[in-house]
Protein backbone atom coordinates (compact mmCIF):
# COMPACT_ATOMS: atom_id res chain seq x y z
CA UNK A 1 36.52 -248.63 111.01
CA UNK A 2 37.52 -250.17 107.70
CA UNK A 3 36.28 -253.04 105.64
CA UNK A 4 38.19 -255.60 103.73
CA UNK A 5 37.73 -256.05 99.98
CA UNK A 6 35.46 -258.93 98.97
CA UNK A 7 36.97 -262.35 98.48
CA UNK A 8 38.26 -263.16 95.03
CA UNK A 9 35.95 -265.39 93.01
CA UNK A 10 37.75 -267.90 90.86
CA UNK A 11 36.16 -268.24 87.39
CA UNK A 12 36.05 -271.74 85.91
CA UNK A 13 37.24 -272.40 82.37
CA UNK A 14 34.71 -272.89 79.62
CA UNK A 15 35.52 -276.61 79.25
CA UNK A 16 35.24 -277.50 82.92
CA UNK A 17 32.43 -279.62 84.35
CA UNK A 18 31.71 -276.93 86.95
CA UNK A 19 31.11 -274.28 84.30
CA UNK A 20 28.89 -276.57 82.19
CA UNK A 21 26.70 -277.58 85.20
CA UNK A 22 26.35 -274.05 86.56
CA UNK A 23 25.54 -272.82 83.06
CA UNK A 24 22.66 -275.28 82.89
CA UNK A 25 21.37 -273.99 86.22
CA UNK A 26 21.73 -270.32 85.03
CA UNK A 27 19.85 -271.07 81.82
CA UNK A 28 16.75 -271.85 84.00
CA UNK A 29 16.45 -268.22 85.09
CA UNK A 30 12.89 -267.89 83.71
CA UNK A 31 11.71 -270.97 85.69
CA UNK A 32 13.83 -270.47 88.86
CA UNK A 33 13.85 -266.70 89.56
CA UNK A 34 16.03 -266.82 92.71
CA UNK A 35 19.77 -266.79 92.13
CA UNK A 36 20.38 -268.72 95.34
CA UNK A 37 18.11 -271.52 94.12
CA UNK A 38 20.02 -271.73 90.81
CA UNK A 39 23.36 -271.78 92.68
CA UNK A 40 22.14 -274.56 94.98
CA UNK A 41 20.88 -276.53 91.98
CA UNK A 42 24.25 -276.10 90.23
CA UNK A 43 26.06 -277.33 93.31
CA UNK A 44 23.80 -280.37 93.64
CA UNK A 45 24.14 -281.22 89.96
CA UNK A 46 27.92 -280.96 90.18
CA UNK A 47 27.90 -283.33 93.16
CA UNK A 48 25.76 -285.71 91.12
CA UNK A 49 28.33 -285.75 88.32
CA UNK A 50 31.11 -286.44 90.84
CA UNK A 51 29.18 -289.43 92.10
CA UNK A 52 28.50 -287.92 95.49
CA UNK A 53 25.01 -286.57 94.90
CA UNK A 54 21.48 -287.64 94.23
CA UNK A 55 19.52 -287.88 91.00
CA UNK A 56 17.55 -284.85 89.75
CA UNK A 57 14.24 -285.99 91.12
CA UNK A 58 15.67 -286.40 94.65
CA UNK A 59 17.45 -283.00 94.38
CA UNK A 60 14.07 -281.38 93.73
CA UNK A 61 12.30 -283.35 96.44
CA UNK A 62 14.85 -282.43 99.15
CA UNK A 63 15.37 -278.77 98.18
CA UNK A 64 12.62 -276.15 98.32
CA UNK A 65 13.21 -274.41 94.99
CA UNK A 66 10.85 -271.61 93.97
CA UNK A 67 9.59 -272.54 90.56
CA UNK A 68 7.36 -270.49 88.23
CA UNK A 69 5.76 -270.96 84.75
CA UNK A 70 6.47 -274.70 84.60
CA UNK A 71 5.58 -277.79 86.53
CA UNK A 72 8.21 -279.54 88.66
CA UNK A 73 7.95 -282.65 86.55
CA UNK A 74 8.52 -280.77 83.31
CA UNK A 75 11.43 -278.89 84.82
CA UNK A 76 13.08 -282.14 85.89
CA UNK A 77 12.67 -283.52 82.37
CA UNK A 78 14.22 -280.31 80.90
CA UNK A 79 17.18 -280.55 83.29
CA UNK A 80 17.76 -284.22 82.48
CA UNK A 81 17.73 -283.44 78.77
CA UNK A 82 20.31 -280.71 79.28
CA UNK A 83 22.48 -283.01 81.42
CA UNK A 84 22.47 -285.68 78.75
CA UNK A 85 24.25 -283.20 76.39
CA UNK A 86 27.26 -282.97 78.75
């Protein structure tokens, strides 16, 4: 029995919207310890920028992110501040 190599992961360029949004999500590592939560947040933020997603408050209301060391309200404010820099 043999296994196939893992699928190739395409890296986004530094200037792309995808990279910027996922970087914001990754910077929240101390507040969102689970990598899957950060990836889901990055995906939802990217959809928001494309005009297909919800605002940050709705993203947090509909997803069950594990948050530590900060309140949900303060984390939403922090994310909105970071998004305004894009």
